[in-house]
PDB file of N, CA and C in Angstrom:
ATOM      1  N   MET A   1      61.881  38.954  36.398  1.00  0.00           N
ATOM      2  CA  MET A   1      61.089  38.219  35.435  1.00  0.00           C
ATOM      3  C   MET A   1      61.998  37.755  34.297  1.00  0.00           C
ATOM      4  N   PRO A   2      62.035  36.433  33.996  1.00  0.00           N
ATOM      5  CA  PRO A   2      62.923  35.931  32.950  1.00  0.00           C
ATOM      6  C   PRO A   2      62.464  36.375  31.564  1.00  0.00           C
ATOM      7  N   VAL A   3      63.440  36.564  30.695  1.00  0.00           N
ATOM      8  CA  VAL A   3      63.154  36.945  29.321  1.00  0.00           C
ATOM      9  C   VAL A   3      62.906  35.677  28.515  1.00  0.00           C
ATOM     10  N   VAL A   4      61.787  35.610  27.800  1.00  0.00           N
ATOM     11  CA  VAL A   4      61.437  34.454  26.981  1.00  0.00           C
ATOM     12  C   VAL A   4      61.792  34.778  25.538  1.00  0.00           C
ATOM     13  N   PRO A   5      62.560  33.934  24.861  1.00  0.00           N
ATOM     14  CA  PRO A   5      62.910  34.192  23.471  1.00  0.00           C
ATOM     15  C   PRO A   5      61.674  34.312  22.595  1.00  0.00           C
ATOM     16  N   ALA A   6      61.777  35.097  21.523  1.00  0.00           N
ATOM     17  CA  ALA A   6      60.645  35.323  20.628  1.00  0.00           C
ATOM     18  C   ALA A   6      60.194  34.034  19.951  1.00  0.00           C
ATOM     19  N   SER A   7      61.105  33.080  19.754  1.00  0.00           N
ATOM     20  CA  SER A   7      60.754  31.844  19.071  1.00  0.00           C
ATOM     21  C   SER A   7      60.016  30.859  19.982  1.00  0.00           C
ATOM     22  N   ARG A   8      59.962  31.139  21.257  1.00  0.00           N
ATOM     23  CA  ARG A   8      59.302  30.248  22.217  1.00  0.00           C
ATOM     24  C   ARG A   8      57.795  30.343  22.060  1.00  0.00           C
ATOM     25  N   GLN A   9      57.174  29.221  21.800  1.00  0.00           N
ATOM     26  CA  GLN A   9      55.726  29.168  21.663  1.00  0.00           C
ATOM     27  C   GLN A   9      55.178  28.268  22.759  1.00  0.00           C
ATOM     28  N   ASP A  10      54.065  28.663  23.313  1.00  0.00           N
ATOM     29  CA  ASP A  10      53.428  27.819  24.302  1.00  0.00           C
ATOM     30  C   ASP A  10      52.649  26.719  23.588  1.00  0.00           C
ATOM     31  N   PRO A  11      52.640  25.529  24.149  1.00  0.00           N
ATOM     32  CA  PRO A  11      51.873  24.450  23.530  1.00  0.00           C
ATOM     33  C   PRO A  11      50.378  24.703  23.689  1.00  0.00           C
ATOM     34  N   PRO A  12      49.568  24.118  22.825  1.00  0.00           N
ATOM     35  CA  PRO A  12      48.114  24.285  22.973  1.00  0.00           C
ATOM     36  C   PRO A  12      47.635  23.552  24.221  1.00  0.00           C
ATOM     37  N   PRO A  13      46.472  23.912  24.745  1.00  0.00           N
ATOM     38  CA  PRO A  13      45.919  23.189  25.899  1.00  0.00           C
ATOM     39  C   PRO A  13      45.778  21.704  25.567  1.00  0.00           C
ATOM     40  N   ARG A  14      45.886  20.858  26.595  1.00  0.00           N
ATOM     41  CA  ARG A  14      45.877  19.416  26.363  1.00  0.00           C
ATOM     42  C   ARG A  14      44.575  18.780  26.825  1.00  0.00           C
ATOM     43  N   LEU A  15      44.196  17.708  26.154  1.00  0.00           N
ATOM     44  CA  LEU A  15      43.115  16.850  26.616  1.00  0.00           C
ATOM     45  C   LEU A  15      43.690  15.985  27.725  1.00  0.00           C
ATOM     46  N   ARG A  16      42.978  15.829  28.816  1.00  0.00           N
ATOM     47  CA  ARG A  16      43.525  15.077  29.942  1.00  0.00           C
ATOM     48  C   ARG A  16      42.590  13.974  30.456  1.00  0.00           C
ATOM     49  N   VAL A  17      41.300  14.109  30.226  1.00  0.00           N
ATOM     50  CA  VAL A  17      40.313  13.183  30.784  1.00  0.00           C
ATOM     51  C   VAL A  17      39.919  12.151  29.717  1.00  0.00           C
ATOM     52  N   ARG A  18      39.807  10.904  30.128  1.00  0.00           N
ATOM     53  CA  ARG A  18      39.479   9.828  29.195  1.00  0.00           C
ATOM     54  C   ARG A  18      38.208  10.124  28.392  1.00  0.00           C
ATOM     55  N   ALA A  19      37.212  10.710  29.011  1.00  0.00           N
ATOM     56  CA  ALA A  19      35.956  11.011  28.324  1.00  0.00           C
ATOM     57  C   ALA A  19      36.181  11.972  27.150  1.00  0.00           C
ATOM     58  N   GLU A  20      37.128  12.901  27.289  1.00  0.00           N
ATOM     59  CA  GLU A  20      37.432  13.827  26.195  1.00  0.00           C
ATOM     60  C   GLU A  20      38.073  13.077  25.025  1.00  0.00           C
ATOM     61  N   PHE A  21      38.981  12.157  25.324  1.00  0.00           N
ATOM     62  CA  PHE A  21      39.610  11.355  24.279  1.00  0.00           C
ATOM     63  C   PHE A  21      38.570  10.503  23.549  1.00  0.00           C
ATOM     64  N   LEU A  22      37.654   9.894  24.311  1.00  0.00           N
ATOM     65  CA  LEU A  22      36.625   9.051  23.712  1.00  0.00           C
ATOM     66  C   LEU A  22      35.671   9.862  22.850  1.00  0.00           C
ATOM     67  N   ALA A  23      35.376  11.097  23.248  1.00  0.00           N
ATOM     68  CA  ALA A  23      34.496  11.955  22.451  1.00  0.00           C
ATOM     69  C   ALA A  23      35.111  12.260  21.092  1.00  0.00           C
ATOM     70  N   VAL A  24      36.411  12.456  21.043  1.00  0.00           N
ATOM     71  CA  VAL A  24      37.091  12.794  19.790  1.00  0.00           C
ATOM     72  C   VAL A  24      37.060  11.612  18.823  1.00  0.00           C
ATOM     73  N   ARG A  25      36.973  10.394  19.337  1.00  0.00           N
ATOM     74  CA  ARG A  25      36.926   9.211  18.464  1.00  0.00           C
ATOM     75  C   ARG A  25      35.731   9.245  17.524  1.00  0.00           C
ATOM     76  N   ALA A  26      34.680   9.958  17.902  1.00  0.00           N
ATOM     77  CA  ALA A  26      33.490  10.047  17.053  1.00  0.00           C
ATOM     78  C   ALA A  26      33.690  11.006  15.882  1.00  0.00           C
ATOM     79  N   GLY A  27      34.760  11.757  15.894  1.00  0.00           N
ATOM     80  CA  GLY A  27      35.010  12.752  14.849  1.00  0.00           C
ATOM     81  C   GLY A  27      35.704  12.165  13.630  1.00  0.00           C
ATOM     82  N   GLU A  28      36.280  13.053  12.853  1.00  0.00           N
ATOM     83  CA  GLU A  28      36.958  12.705  11.609  1.00  0.00           C
ATOM     84  C   GLU A  28      38.309  12.051  11.893  1.00  0.00           C
ATOM     85  N   LYS A  29      38.690  11.085  11.051  1.00  0.00           N
ATOM     86  CA  LYS A  29      39.980  10.406  11.183  1.00  0.00           C
ATOM     87  C   LYS A  29      40.825  10.682   9.947  1.00  0.00           C
ATOM     88  N   ARG A  30      42.066  11.080  10.168  1.00  0.00           N
ATOM     89  CA  ARG A  30      43.013  11.339   9.085  1.00  0.00           C
ATOM     90  C   ARG A  30      44.204  10.417   9.304  1.00  0.00           C
ATOM     91  N   ARG A  31      44.284   9.375   8.477  1.00  0.00           N
ATOM     92  CA  ARG A  31      45.302   8.336   8.657  1.00  0.00           C
ATOM     93  C   ARG A  31      46.587   8.673   7.917  1.00  0.00           C
ATOM     94  N   GLY A  32      47.697   8.226   8.485  1.00  0.00           N
ATOM     95  CA  GLY A  32      48.995   8.411   7.866  1.00  0.00           C
ATOM     96  C   GLY A  32      49.970   7.357   8.336  1.00  0.00           C
ATOM     97  N   LYS A  33      51.157   7.328   7.747  1.00  0.00           N
ATOM     98  CA  LYS A  33      52.163   6.334   8.101  1.00  0.00           C
ATOM     99  C   LYS A  33      52.713   6.569   9.505  1.00  0.00           C
ATOM    100  N   LEU A  34      52.878   7.827   9.885  1.00  0.00           N
ATOM    101  CA  LEU A  34      53.510   8.150  11.164  1.00  0.00           C
ATOM    102  C   LEU A  34      52.533   8.217  12.329  1.00  0.00           C
ATOM    103  N   PHE A  35      51.296   8.587  12.049  1.00  0.00           N
ATOM    104  CA  PHE A  35      50.319   8.746  13.128  1.00  0.00           C
ATOM    105  C   PHE A  35      48.910   8.784  12.553  1.00  0.00           C
ATOM    106  N   LEU A  36      47.942   8.598  13.434  1.00  0.00           N
ATOM    107  CA  LEU A  36      46.532   8.768  13.120  1.00  0.00           C
ATOM    108  C   LEU A  36      46.093  10.048  13.812  1.00  0.00           C
ATOM    109  N   LEU A  37      45.408  10.916  13.082  1.00  0.00           N
ATOM    110  CA  LEU A  37      44.910  12.160  13.658  1.00  0.00           C
ATOM    111  C   LEU A  37      43.395  12.098  13.705  1.00  0.00           C
ATOM    112  N   GLU A  38      42.829  12.240  14.892  1.00  0.00           N
ATOM    113  CA  GLU A  38      41.381  12.286  15.067  1.00  0.00           C
ATOM    114  C   GLU A  38      41.006  13.719  15.407  1.00  0.00           C
ATOM    115  N   VAL A  39      39.961  14.236  14.731  1.00  0.00           N
ATOM    116  CA  VAL A  39      39.577  15.642  14.880  1.00  0.00           C
ATOM    117  C   VAL A  39      38.088  15.727  15.189  1.00  0.00           C
ATOM    118  N   LEU A  40      37.744  16.549  16.167  1.00  0.00           N
ATOM    119  CA  LEU A  40      36.340  16.770  16.517  1.00  0.00           C
ATOM    120  C   LEU A  40      36.100  18.263  16.675  1.00  0.00           C
ATOM    121  N   ASP A  41      35.064  18.766  16.011  1.00  0.00           N
ATOM    122  CA  ASP A  41      34.663  20.166  16.153  1.00  0.00           C
ATOM    123  C   ASP A  41      33.689  20.262  17.325  1.00  0.00           C
ATOM    124  N   ARG A  42      34.093  20.954  18.389  1.00  0.00           N
ATOM    125  CA  ARG A  42      33.247  21.101  19.579  1.00  0.00           C
ATOM    126  C   ARG A  42      32.181  22.169  19.394  1.00  0.00           C
ATOM    127  N   LYS A  43      32.409  23.112  18.496  1.00  0.00           N
ATOM    128  CA  LYS A  43      31.472  24.211  18.202  1.00  0.00           C
ATOM    129  C   LYS A  43      31.177  25.046  19.438  1.00  0.00           C
ATOM    130  N   ASP A  44      32.217  25.324  20.239  1.00  0.00           N
ATOM    131  CA  ASP A  44      32.002  26.132  21.431  1.00  0.00           C
ATOM    132  C   ASP A  44      32.820  27.422  21.438  1.00  0.00           C
ATOM    133  N   GLY A  45      33.663  27.640  20.426  1.00  0.00           N
ATOM    134  CA  GLY A  45      34.433  28.871  20.319  1.00  0.00           C
ATOM    135  C   GLY A  45      35.656  28.960  21.228  1.00  0.00           C
ATOM    136  N   LYS A  46      35.923  27.932  21.999  1.00  0.00           N
ATOM    137  CA  LYS A  46      37.085  27.933  22.890  1.00  0.00           C
ATOM    138  C   LYS A  46      38.341  27.523  22.110  1.00  0.00           C
ATOM    139  N   PRO A  47      39.523  27.718  22.694  1.00  0.00           N
ATOM    140  CA  PRO A  47      40.767  27.361  21.988  1.00  0.00           C
ATOM    141  C   PRO A  47      40.858  25.867  21.671  1.00  0.00           C
ATOM    142  N   ALA A  48      41.633  25.547  20.646  1.00  0.00           N
ATOM    143  CA  ALA A  48      41.855  24.159  20.253  1.00  0.00           C
ATOM    144  C   ALA A  48      42.631  23.431  21.348  1.00  0.00           C
ATOM    145  N   ARG A  49      42.387  22.124  21.471  1.00  0.00           N
ATOM    146  CA  ARG A  49      43.098  21.300  22.448  1.00  0.00           C
ATOM    147  C   ARG A  49      43.673  20.085  21.728  1.00  0.00           C
ATOM    148  N   ALA A  50      44.742  19.539  22.293  1.00  0.00           N
ATOM    149  CA  ALA A  50      45.380  18.371  21.697  1.00  0.00           C
ATOM    150  C   ALA A  50      45.610  17.300  22.757  1.00  0.00           C
ATOM    151  N   GLY A  51      45.527  16.051  22.319  1.00  0.00           N
ATOM    152  CA  GLY A  51      45.822  14.917  23.183  1.00  0.00           C
ATOM    153  C   GLY A  51      46.709  13.940  22.428  1.00  0.00           C
ATOM    154  N   PHE A  52      47.497  13.169  23.152  1.00  0.00           N
ATOM    155  CA  PHE A  52      48.450  12.243  22.545  1.00  0.00           C
ATOM    156  C   PHE A  52      48.257  10.855  23.123  1.00  0.00           C
ATOM    157  N   THR A  53      48.251   9.857  22.244  1.00  0.00           N
ATOM    158  CA  THR A  53      48.088   8.477  22.651  1.00  0.00           C
ATOM    159  C   THR A  53      49.099   7.624  21.892  1.00  0.00           C
ATOM    160  N   VAL A  54      49.697   6.672  22.589  1.00  0.00           N
ATOM    161  CA  VAL A  54      50.580   5.698  21.961  1.00  0.00           C
ATOM    162  C   VAL A  54      50.253   4.352  22.588  1.00  0.00           C
ATOM    163  N   THR A  55      49.905   3.367  21.758  1.00  0.00           N
ATOM    164  CA  THR A  55      49.500   2.063  22.281  1.00  0.00           C
ATOM    165  C   THR A  55      50.700   1.231  22.717  1.00  0.00           C
ATOM    166  N   LYS A  56      50.442   0.213  23.507  1.00  0.00           N
ATOM    167  CA  LYS A  56      51.503  -0.661  23.989  1.00  0.00           C
ATOM    168  C   LYS A  56      52.139  -1.477  22.871  1.00  0.00           C
ATOM    169  N   LYS A  57      51.458  -1.591  21.724  1.00  0.00           N
ATOM    170  CA  LYS A  57      52.043  -2.306  20.583  1.00  0.00           C
ATOM    171  C   LYS A  57      53.308  -1.621  20.090  1.00  0.00           C
ATOM    172  N   VAL A  58      53.423  -0.322  20.335  1.00  0.00           N
ATOM    173  CA  VAL A  58      54.577   0.447  19.861  1.00  0.00           C
ATOM    174  C   VAL A  58      55.842   0.070  20.628  1.00  0.00           C
ATOM    175  N   GLY A  59      55.712  -0.212  21.914  1.00  0.00           N
ATOM    176  CA  GLY A  59      56.893  -0.582  22.693  1.00  0.00           C
ATOM    177  C   GLY A  59      56.654  -0.375  24.176  1.00  0.00           C
ATOM    178  N   ASN A  60      57.755  -0.423  24.919  1.00  0.00           N
ATOM    179  CA  ASN A  60      57.643  -0.245  26.364  1.00  0.00           C
ATOM    180  C   ASN A  60      57.430   1.240  26.704  1.00  0.00           C
ATOM    181  N   ALA A  61      57.351   1.554  27.977  1.00  0.00           N
ATOM    182  CA  ALA A  61      57.031   2.917  28.407  1.00  0.00           C
ATOM    183  C   ALA A  61      58.054   3.932  27.921  1.00  0.00           C
ATOM    184  N   VAL A  62      59.317   3.557  27.894  1.00  0.00           N
ATOM    185  CA  VAL A  62      60.361   4.474  27.441  1.00  0.00           C
ATOM    186  C   VAL A  62      60.143   4.848  25.977  1.00  0.00           C
ATOM    187  N   VAL A  63      59.866   3.867  25.148  1.00  0.00           N
ATOM    188  CA  VAL A  63      59.639   4.102  23.711  1.00  0.00           C
ATOM    189  C   VAL A  63      58.379   4.924  23.506  1.00  0.00           C
ATOM    190  N   ARG A  64      57.303   4.568  24.198  1.00  0.00           N
ATOM    191  CA  ARG A  64      56.037   5.300  24.042  1.00  0.00           C
ATOM    192  C   ARG A  64      56.192   6.761  24.457  1.00  0.00           C
ATOM    193  N   ASN A  65      56.905   7.006  25.549  1.00  0.00           N
ATOM    194  CA  ASN A  65      57.112   8.385  25.985  1.00  0.00           C
ATOM    195  C   ASN A  65      57.961   9.164  24.996  1.00  0.00           C
ATOM    196  N   ARG A  66      58.949   8.509  24.379  1.00  0.00           N
ATOM    197  CA  ARG A  66      59.768   9.182  23.375  1.00  0.00           C
ATOM    198  C   ARG A  66      58.922   9.565  22.152  1.00  0.00           C
ATOM    199  N   VAL A  67      58.020   8.681  21.729  1.00  0.00           N
ATOM    200  CA  VAL A  67      57.107   8.984  20.620  1.00  0.00           C
ATOM    201  C   VAL A  67      56.243  10.187  20.986  1.00  0.00           C
ATOM    202  N   ARG A  68      55.681  10.170  22.192  1.00  0.00           N
ATOM    203  CA  ARG A  68      54.819  11.274  22.644  1.00  0.00           C
ATOM    204  C   ARG A  68      55.577  12.597  22.705  1.00  0.00           C
ATOM    205  N   ARG A  69      56.806  12.566  23.205  1.00  0.00           N
ATOM    206  CA  ARG A  69      57.599  13.801  23.287  1.00  0.00           C
ATOM    207  C   ARG A  69      57.893  14.377  21.910  1.00  0.00           C
ATOM    208  N   ARG A  70      58.222  13.524  20.947  1.00  0.00           N
ATOM    209  CA  ARG A  70      58.501  14.014  19.587  1.00  0.00           C
ATOM    210  C   ARG A  70      57.243  14.635  18.975  1.00  0.00           C
ATOM    211  N   LEU A  71      56.094  13.987  19.156  1.00  0.00           N
ATOM    212  CA  LEU A  71      54.845  14.521  18.616  1.00  0.00           C
ATOM    213  C   LEU A  71      54.480  15.846  19.285  1.00  0.00           C
ATOM    214  N   ARG A  72      54.625  15.910  20.599  1.00  0.00           N
ATOM    215  CA  ARG A  72      54.309  17.143  21.322  1.00  0.00           C
ATOM    216  C   ARG A  72      55.170  18.302  20.851  1.00  0.00           C
ATOM    217  N   GLU A  73      56.464  18.047  20.661  1.00  0.00           N
ATOM    218  CA  GLU A  73      57.379  19.101  20.229  1.00  0.00           C
ATOM    219  C   GLU A  73      57.084  19.527  18.783  1.00  0.00           C
ATOM    220  N   ALA A  74      56.784  18.578  17.910  1.00  0.00           N
ATOM    221  CA  ALA A  74      56.441  18.916  16.518  1.00  0.00           C
ATOM    222  C   ALA A  74      55.180  19.771  16.481  1.00  0.00           C
ATOM    223  N   LEU A  75      54.226  19.450  17.329  1.00  0.00           N
ATOM    224  CA  LEU A  75      53.000  20.248  17.389  1.00  0.00           C
ATOM    225  C   LEU A  75      53.302  21.651  17.907  1.00  0.00           C
ATOM    226  N   ARG A  76      54.076  21.739  18.970  1.00  0.00           N
ATOM    227  CA  ARG A  76      54.383  23.041  19.562  1.00  0.00           C
ATOM    228  C   ARG A  76      55.153  23.940  18.597  1.00  0.00           C
ATOM    229  N   VAL A  77      56.163  23.371  17.940  1.00  0.00           N
ATOM    230  CA  VAL A  77      57.051  24.167  17.107  1.00  0.00           C
ATOM    231  C   VAL A  77      56.414  24.560  15.775  1.00  0.00           C
ATOM    232  N   ARG A  78      55.709  23.624  15.137  1.00  0.00           N
ATOM    233  CA  ARG A  78      55.282  23.894  13.770  1.00  0.00           C
ATOM    234  C   ARG A  78      53.772  23.892  13.540  1.00  0.00           C
ATOM    235  N   ALA A  79      53.041  22.999  14.167  1.00  0.00           N
ATOM    236  CA  ALA A  79      51.662  22.761  13.756  1.00  0.00           C
ATOM    237  C   ALA A  79      50.605  23.446  14.618  1.00  0.00           C
ATOM    238  N   ALA A  80      50.954  23.958  15.777  1.00  0.00           N
ATOM    239  CA  ALA A  80      49.952  24.541  16.676  1.00  0.00           C
ATOM    240  C   ALA A  80      49.221  25.717  16.031  1.00  0.00           C
ATOM    241  N   ALA A  81      49.907  26.472  15.185  1.00  0.00           N
ATOM    242  CA  ALA A  81      49.279  27.630  14.543  1.00  0.00           C
ATOM    243  C   ALA A  81      48.192  27.219  13.554  1.00  0.00           C
ATOM    244  N   ASP A  82      48.234  25.985  13.058  1.00  0.00           N
ATOM    245  CA  ASP A  82      47.244  25.516  12.086  1.00  0.00           C
ATOM    246  C   ASP A  82      46.002  24.913  12.733  1.00  0.00           C
ATOM    247  N   MET A  83      46.013  24.774  14.050  1.00  0.00           N
ATOM    248  CA  MET A  83      44.867  24.189  14.734  1.00  0.00           C
ATOM    249  C   MET A  83      43.693  25.175  14.737  1.00  0.00           C
ATOM    250  N   ALA A  84      42.532  24.679  14.323  1.00  0.00           N
ATOM    251  CA  ALA A  84      41.332  25.522  14.258  1.00  0.00           C
ATOM    252  C   ALA A  84      40.732  25.686  15.654  1.00  0.00           C
ATOM    253  N   PRO A  85      40.267  26.889  15.981  1.00  0.00           N
ATOM    254  CA  PRO A  85      39.621  27.079  17.287  1.00  0.00           C
ATOM    255  C   PRO A  85      38.411  26.159  17.436  1.00  0.00           C
ATOM    256  N   SER A  86      38.102  25.812  18.643  1.00  0.00           N
ATOM    257  CA  SER A  86      36.973  24.956  19.038  1.00  0.00           C
ATOM    258  C   SER A  86      37.069  23.541  18.471  1.00  0.00           C
ATOM    259  N   HIS A  87      38.290  23.091  18.161  1.00  0.00           N
ATOM    260  CA  HIS A  87      38.503  21.723  17.707  1.00  0.00           C
ATOM    261  C   HIS A  87      39.365  20.977  18.724  1.00  0.00           C
ATOM    262  N   ASP A  88      39.107  19.691  18.857  1.00  0.00           N
ATOM    263  CA  ASP A  88      39.953  18.808  19.650  1.00  0.00           C
ATOM    264  C   ASP A  88      40.696  17.893  18.686  1.00  0.00           C
ATOM    265  N   TYR A  89      41.977  17.672  18.954  1.00  0.00           N
ATOM    266  CA  TYR A  89      42.818  16.814  18.125  1.00  0.00           C
ATOM    267  C   TYR A  89      43.430  15.749  19.008  1.00  0.00           C
ATOM    268  N   VAL A  90      43.303  14.491  18.597  1.00  0.00           N
ATOM    269  CA  VAL A  90      43.990  13.389  19.268  1.00  0.00           C
ATOM    270  C   VAL A  90      44.955  12.797  18.255  1.00  0.00           C
ATOM    271  N   ILE A  91      46.229  12.722  18.634  1.00  0.00           N
ATOM    272  CA  ILE A  91      47.263  12.188  17.765  1.00  0.00           C
ATOM    273  C   ILE A  91      47.689  10.840  18.336  1.00  0.00           C
ATOM    274  N   VAL A  92      47.452   9.781  17.545  1.00  0.00           N
ATOM    275  CA  VAL A  92      47.807   8.435  17.953  1.00  0.00           C
ATOM    276  C   VAL A  92      49.123   8.095  17.266  1.00  0.00           C
ATOM    277  N   GLY A  93      50.196   8.073  18.041  1.00  0.00           N
ATOM    278  CA  GLY A  93      51.532   7.880  17.489  1.00  0.00           C
ATOM    279  C   GLY A  93      51.826   6.442  17.117  1.00  0.00           C
ATOM    280  N   ARG A  94      52.641   6.295  16.074  1.00  0.00           N
ATOM    281  CA  ARG A  94      53.102   4.983  15.639  1.00  0.00           C
ATOM    282  C   ARG A  94      54.612   4.915  15.809  1.00  0.00           C
ATOM    283  N   GLU A  95      55.155   3.713  15.727  1.00  0.00           N
ATOM    284  CA  GLU A  95      56.585   3.505  15.961  1.00  0.00           C
ATOM    285  C   GLU A  95      57.454   4.243  14.947  1.00  0.00           C
ATOM    286  N   ASP A  96      56.959   4.459  13.735  1.00  0.00           N
ATOM    287  CA  ASP A  96      57.730   5.145  12.691  1.00  0.00           C
ATOM    288  C   ASP A  96      58.069   6.587  13.057  1.00  0.00           C
ATOM    289  N   VAL A  97      57.398   7.142  14.052  1.00  0.00           N
ATOM    290  CA  VAL A  97      57.693   8.513  14.504  1.00  0.00           C
ATOM    291  C   VAL A  97      59.144   8.620  14.962  1.00  0.00           C
ATOM    292  N   LEU A  98      59.667   7.555  15.551  1.00  0.00           N
ATOM    293  CA  LEU A  98      61.029   7.593  16.086  1.00  0.00           C
ATOM    294  C   LEU A  98      62.094   7.608  14.994  1.00  0.00           C
ATOM    295  N   SER A  99      61.821   6.975  13.865  1.00  0.00           N
ATOM    296  CA  SER A  99      62.827   6.894  12.810  1.00  0.00           C
ATOM    297  C   SER A  99      62.693   8.008  11.775  1.00  0.00           C
ATOM    298  N   ALA A 100      61.601   8.725  11.783  1.00  0.00           N
ATOM    299  CA  ALA A 100      61.389   9.798  10.800  1.00  0.00           C
ATOM    300  C   ALA A 100      62.189  11.037  11.197  1.00  0.00           C
ATOM    301  N   PRO A 101      62.769  11.735  10.214  1.00  0.00           N
ATOM    302  CA  PRO A 101      63.426  13.009  10.529  1.00  0.00           C
ATOM    303  C   PRO A 101      62.404  13.984  11.116  1.00  0.00           C
ATOM    304  N   PHE A 102      62.866  14.838  12.033  1.00  0.00           N
ATOM    305  CA  PHE A 102      61.939  15.737  12.725  1.00  0.00           C
ATOM    306  C   PHE A 102      61.208  16.664  11.750  1.00  0.00           C
ATOM    307  N   ASP A 103      61.905  17.159  10.728  1.00  0.00           N
ATOM    308  CA  ASP A 103      61.256  18.046   9.755  1.00  0.00           C
ATOM    309  C   ASP A 103      60.142  17.333   9.002  1.00  0.00           C
ATOM    310  N   GLN A 104      60.349  16.067   8.677  1.00  0.00           N
ATOM    311  CA  GLN A 104      59.306  15.293   8.003  1.00  0.00           C
ATOM    312  C   GLN A 104      58.112  15.097   8.934  1.00  0.00           C
ATOM    313  N   LEU A 105      58.380  14.767  10.182  1.00  0.00           N
ATOM    314  CA  LEU A 105      57.320  14.576  11.165  1.00  0.00           C
ATOM    315  C   LEU A 105      56.513  15.855  11.349  1.00  0.00           C
ATOM    316  N   ALA A 106      57.204  16.974  11.551  1.00  0.00           N
ATOM    317  CA  ALA A 106      56.520  18.247  11.763  1.00  0.00           C
ATOM    318  C   ALA A 106      55.734  18.661  10.519  1.00  0.00           C
ATOM    319  N   GLY A 107      56.305  18.448   9.341  1.00  0.00           N
ATOM    320  CA  GLY A 107      55.616  18.792   8.096  1.00  0.00           C
ATOM    321  C   GLY A 107      54.360  17.969   7.895  1.00  0.00           C
ATOM    322  N   GLU A 108      54.455  16.675   8.176  1.00  0.00           N
ATOM    323  CA  GLU A 108      53.293  15.793   8.032  1.00  0.00           C
ATOM    324  C   GLU A 108      52.196  16.176   9.026  1.00  0.00           C
ATOM    325  N   LEU A 109      52.586  16.510  10.236  1.00  0.00           N
ATOM    326  CA  LEU A 109      51.615  16.921  11.244  1.00  0.00           C
ATOM    327  C   LEU A 109      50.922  18.223  10.834  1.00  0.00           C
ATOM    328  N   THR A 110      51.694  19.172  10.343  1.00  0.00           N
ATOM    329  CA  THR A 110      51.127  20.433   9.873  1.00  0.00           C
ATOM    330  C   THR A 110      50.149  20.196   8.723  1.00  0.00           C
ATOM    331  N   ARG A 111      50.543  19.347   7.779  1.00  0.00           N
ATOM    332  CA  ARG A 111      49.705  19.084   6.603  1.00  0.00           C
ATOM    333  C   ARG A 111      48.402  18.432   6.999  1.00  0.00           C
ATOM    334  N   ARG A 112      48.455  17.457   7.895  1.00  0.00           N
ATOM    335  CA  ARG A 112      47.234  16.765   8.294  1.00  0.00           C
ATOM    336  C   ARG A 112      46.308  17.639   9.138  1.00  0.00           C
ATOM    337  N   ILE A 113      46.873  18.474   9.985  1.00  0.00           N
ATOM    338  CA  ILE A 113      46.036  19.364  10.796  1.00  0.00           C
ATOM    339  C   ILE A 113      45.373  20.413   9.931  1.00  0.00           C
ATOM    340  N   ALA A 114      46.104  20.943   8.961  1.00  0.00           N
ATOM    341  CA  ALA A 114      45.580  22.005   8.095  1.00  0.00           C
ATOM    342  C   ALA A 114      44.566  21.480   7.078  1.00  0.00           C
ATOM    343  N   ALA A 115      44.555  20.181   6.817  1.00  0.00           N
ATOM    344  CA  ALA A 115      43.651  19.604   5.816  1.00  0.00           C
ATOM    345  C   ALA A 115      42.199  19.807   6.247  1.00  0.00           C
ATOM    346  N   LYS A 116      41.425  20.393   5.383  1.00  0.00           N
ATOM    347  CA  LYS A 116      39.990  20.596   5.645  1.00  0.00           C
ATOM    348  C   LYS A 116      39.220  19.596   4.792  1.00  0.00           C
ATOM    349  N   ARG A 117      38.457  18.737   5.453  1.00  0.00           N
ATOM    350  CA  ARG A 117      37.701  17.734   4.693  1.00  0.00           C
ATOM    351  C   ARG A 117      36.246  17.966   4.829  1.00  0.00           C
TER     352      ARG A 117
END
């Protein structure tokens, strides 16, 4: 059995079905320069889930995947602990994610997820 470092964190469960993404659109929206965060309280007591979206306006598939990877890693490393149980989060990435320093991206994601409105 391989040894997993103590700093290794598992990512939160992901939204995968289009209907789940569309349901979150009805929730709260937290806008920012780097991304839009949509939050929906499911009120079911299950673990928080996250989904990632990047529109074609941002760039080609390579660019969009790079934006998604940076957001996923920032969530895993820094912001996953701030996610409230029974909430769904959809993060809509913008092109500025690629030029922002990783610490700024992770800090902004943590701040927006932790914000209670």
